[in-house]
Amino acid sequence: MALYAAYASNMDPEQMALRAPHSPLRDTGWLQGWRLTFGGEEIGWDGALATVVEDHTSQVFVALYDVTEADEQALDAWEGHEQGLYTKIRVRVQTLFGEELAWIYVLDAYEGGLPSARFIGIIADAAEKAGAPDLYVKELRERPCDTLGTDL
């Protein structure tokens, strides 16, 4: 099985059970040297889309899933990997049990733009459900956003 590190709405175990039903939550951890950001506002969704960029002063909370090959294909389709929207890269995740090698989706678009308020709420709720520290969830909820967003 491949190890997937989710940093946005896929941190929610219930959502992942729908998108990748054979891929259980294994652990949580941190992407050290990465920052959660948004981009691709011009693509046409409800505000900018979540992504991560390298930033040696930051870290991003992630949920780690053991993903079957079939579920990986389903996630690739859901995340727009096949259309070039997101690229998959391998990263090192710090967990309580040591370092794990996992893959993430990184948006293939310029950083910038605001996510919808709804999307920020979904990401913060997902982080909370995955067990992110309260301060991390609070910082997510306080991020700048477009309050006009209604759909993802």
Protein backbone atom coordinates (compact mmCIF):
# COMPACT_ATOMS: atom_id res chain seq x y z
CA MET A 1 0.00 0.00 0.00
CA ALA A 2 1.06 3.56 -0.66
CA LEU A 3 1.06 6.14 2.12
CA TYR A 4 -0.89 9.33 1.37
CA ALA A 5 -0.52 12.54 3.40
CA ALA A 6 -3.72 14.62 3.31
CA TYR A 7 -3.48 18.31 4.30
CA ALA A 8 -6.87 19.75 3.30
CA SER A 9 -10.41 18.35 3.27
CA ASN A 10 -9.15 14.77 2.88
CA MET A 11 -7.89 14.93 6.47
CA ASP A 12 -11.51 14.15 7.40
CA PRO A 13 -11.67 10.35 7.93
CA GLU A 14 -15.39 10.29 7.02
CA GLN A 15 -14.76 12.03 3.70
CA MET A 16 -11.85 9.72 2.94
CA ALA A 17 -14.06 6.70 3.71
CA LEU A 18 -16.29 7.85 0.84
CA ARG A 19 -13.45 8.70 -1.58
CA ALA A 20 -11.12 5.83 -0.68
CA PRO A 21 -13.18 3.24 1.22
CA HIS A 22 -10.40 0.64 1.46
CA SER A 23 -7.76 3.02 2.78
CA PRO A 24 -7.71 3.45 6.56
CA LEU A 25 -6.28 6.32 8.55
CA ARG A 26 -2.88 5.17 9.85
CA ASP A 27 -1.46 8.15 11.70
CA THR A 28 -1.03 11.91 11.70
CA GLY A 29 2.10 13.99 11.42
CA TRP A 30 3.72 17.15 10.15
CA LEU A 31 5.22 18.24 6.86
CA GLN A 32 8.22 20.13 8.21
CA GLY A 33 9.44 22.89 5.91
CA TRP A 34 6.12 23.28 4.07
CA ARG A 35 3.35 25.87 4.25
CA LEU A 36 -0.37 25.51 3.51
CA THR A 37 -1.42 28.03 0.87
CA PHE A 38 -3.90 28.49 -1.93
CA GLY A 39 -3.80 29.04 -5.67
CA GLY A 40 -5.58 28.39 -8.92
CA GLU A 41 -8.35 30.87 -8.25
CA GLU A 42 -8.67 31.43 -11.99
CA ILE A 43 -9.48 27.76 -12.63
CA GLY A 44 -13.13 28.45 -11.92
CA TRP A 45 -13.97 26.78 -8.62
CA ASP A 46 -15.34 28.61 -5.63
CA GLY A 47 -12.19 30.52 -4.75
CA ALA A 48 -8.61 29.33 -4.61
CA LEU A 49 -7.66 25.67 -4.10
CA ALA A 50 -5.51 24.26 -1.31
CA THR A 51 -1.89 23.36 -1.90
CA VAL A 52 1.43 23.35 -0.08
CA VAL A 53 4.71 25.06 -0.91
CA GLU A 54 8.17 24.65 0.54
CA ASP A 55 8.89 27.10 3.36
CA HIS A 56 11.62 26.24 5.86
CA THR A 57 9.89 28.31 8.59
CA SER A 58 6.55 26.48 8.48
CA GLN A 59 4.89 23.12 8.98
CA VAL A 60 1.61 21.58 7.85
CA PHE A 61 -0.48 19.06 9.80
CA VAL A 62 -1.38 15.95 7.77
CA ALA A 63 -3.43 12.80 8.12
CA LEU A 64 -1.70 9.67 6.82
CA TYR A 65 -3.71 6.99 5.02
CA ASP A 66 -2.67 3.54 3.81
CA VAL A 67 -4.06 3.70 0.27
CA THR A 68 -4.83 0.72 -1.92
CA GLU A 69 -4.00 0.88 -5.62
CA ALA A 70 -7.69 1.12 -6.59
CA ASP A 71 -8.32 3.89 -4.05
CA GLU A 72 -5.23 5.74 -5.25
CA GLN A 73 -6.66 5.73 -8.78
CA ALA A 74 -9.99 7.02 -7.44
CA LEU A 75 -8.22 9.80 -5.51
CA ASP A 76 -6.16 10.70 -8.59
CA ALA A 77 -9.38 11.15 -10.54
CA TRP A 78 -11.06 13.12 -7.72
CA GLU A 79 -8.06 15.45 -7.30
CA GLY A 80 -7.70 16.10 -11.04
CA HIS A 81 -4.28 14.43 -11.25
CA GLU A 82 -5.08 12.93 -14.64
CA GLN A 83 -6.02 16.38 -16.00
CA GLY A 84 -2.84 17.98 -14.65
CA LEU A 85 -4.57 19.98 -11.92
CA TYR A 86 -2.54 18.40 -9.12
CA THR A 87 0.87 16.73 -9.31
CA LYS A 88 1.84 13.93 -6.93
CA ILE A 89 5.16 14.25 -5.14
CA ARG A 90 6.85 12.28 -2.37
CA VAL A 91 7.58 13.98 0.93
CA ARG A 92 8.89 13.09 4.37
CA VAL A 93 6.34 13.29 7.19
CA GLN A 94 7.36 13.57 10.83
CA THR A 95 5.21 11.40 13.13
CA LEU A 96 5.47 10.47 16.79
CA PHE A 97 7.01 7.19 15.64
CA GLY A 98 9.61 8.66 13.29
CA GLU A 99 9.80 9.75 9.69
CA GLU A 100 7.49 8.31 7.02
CA LEU A 101 7.71 8.66 3.24
CA ALA A 102 4.36 9.58 1.72
CA TRP A 103 2.90 11.26 -1.35
CA ILE A 104 0.86 14.45 -1.51
CA TYR A 105 -0.98 16.37 -4.19
CA VAL A 106 0.51 19.77 -5.08
CA LEU A 107 -1.49 22.21 -7.17
CA ASP A 108 0.00 22.90 -10.59
CA ALA A 109 -0.85 26.62 -10.52
CA TYR A 110 0.56 29.84 -9.19
CA GLU A 111 0.19 30.60 -5.51
CA GLY A 112 -2.28 33.35 -4.76
CA GLY A 113 -5.94 34.11 -4.39
CA LEU A 114 -8.34 33.51 -1.55
CA PRO A 115 -10.25 30.33 -0.75
CA SER A 116 -13.92 30.59 0.07
CA ALA A 117 -14.97 30.90 3.69
CA ARG A 118 -16.80 27.60 3.24
CA PHE A 119 -13.63 25.83 2.06
CA ILE A 120 -11.61 27.21 4.99
CA GLY A 121 -14.31 25.89 7.33
CA ILE A 122 -14.21 22.47 5.68
CA ILE A 123 -10.41 22.28 6.01
CA ALA A 124 -10.49 23.41 9.65
CA ASP A 125 -13.24 20.89 10.48
CA ALA A 126 -11.25 18.13 8.74
CA ALA A 127 -8.09 19.03 10.69
CA GLU A 128 -10.06 18.96 13.93
CA LYS A 129 -11.55 15.53 13.11
CA ALA A 130 -8.07 14.22 12.30
CA GLY A 131 -6.77 15.34 15.69
CA ALA A 132 -4.82 18.47 14.80
CA PRO A 133 -3.76 20.63 17.75
CA ASP A 134 -6.29 23.30 18.78
CA LEU A 135 -3.90 26.13 17.89
CA TYR A 136 -3.45 24.77 14.34
CA VAL A 137 -7.24 24.53 13.87
CA LYS A 138 -7.69 28.05 15.27
CA GLU A 139 -5.09 29.43 12.85
CA LEU A 140 -6.90 27.72 9.96
CA ARG A 141 -10.22 29.28 10.97
CA GLU A 142 -8.59 32.74 11.11
CA ARG A 143 -7.07 32.60 7.62
CA PRO A 144 -8.07 35.30 5.14
CA CYS A 145 -10.84 34.12 2.85
CA ASP A 146 -13.47 35.18 0.34
CA THR A 147 -16.69 35.34 2.34
CA LEU A 148 -18.78 35.07 -0.83
CA GLY A 149 -17.91 31.43 -1.54
CA THR A 150 -20.77 28.93 -1.58
CA ASP A 151 -19.54 25.82 -3.42
CA LEU A 152 -16.35 23.84 -3.82
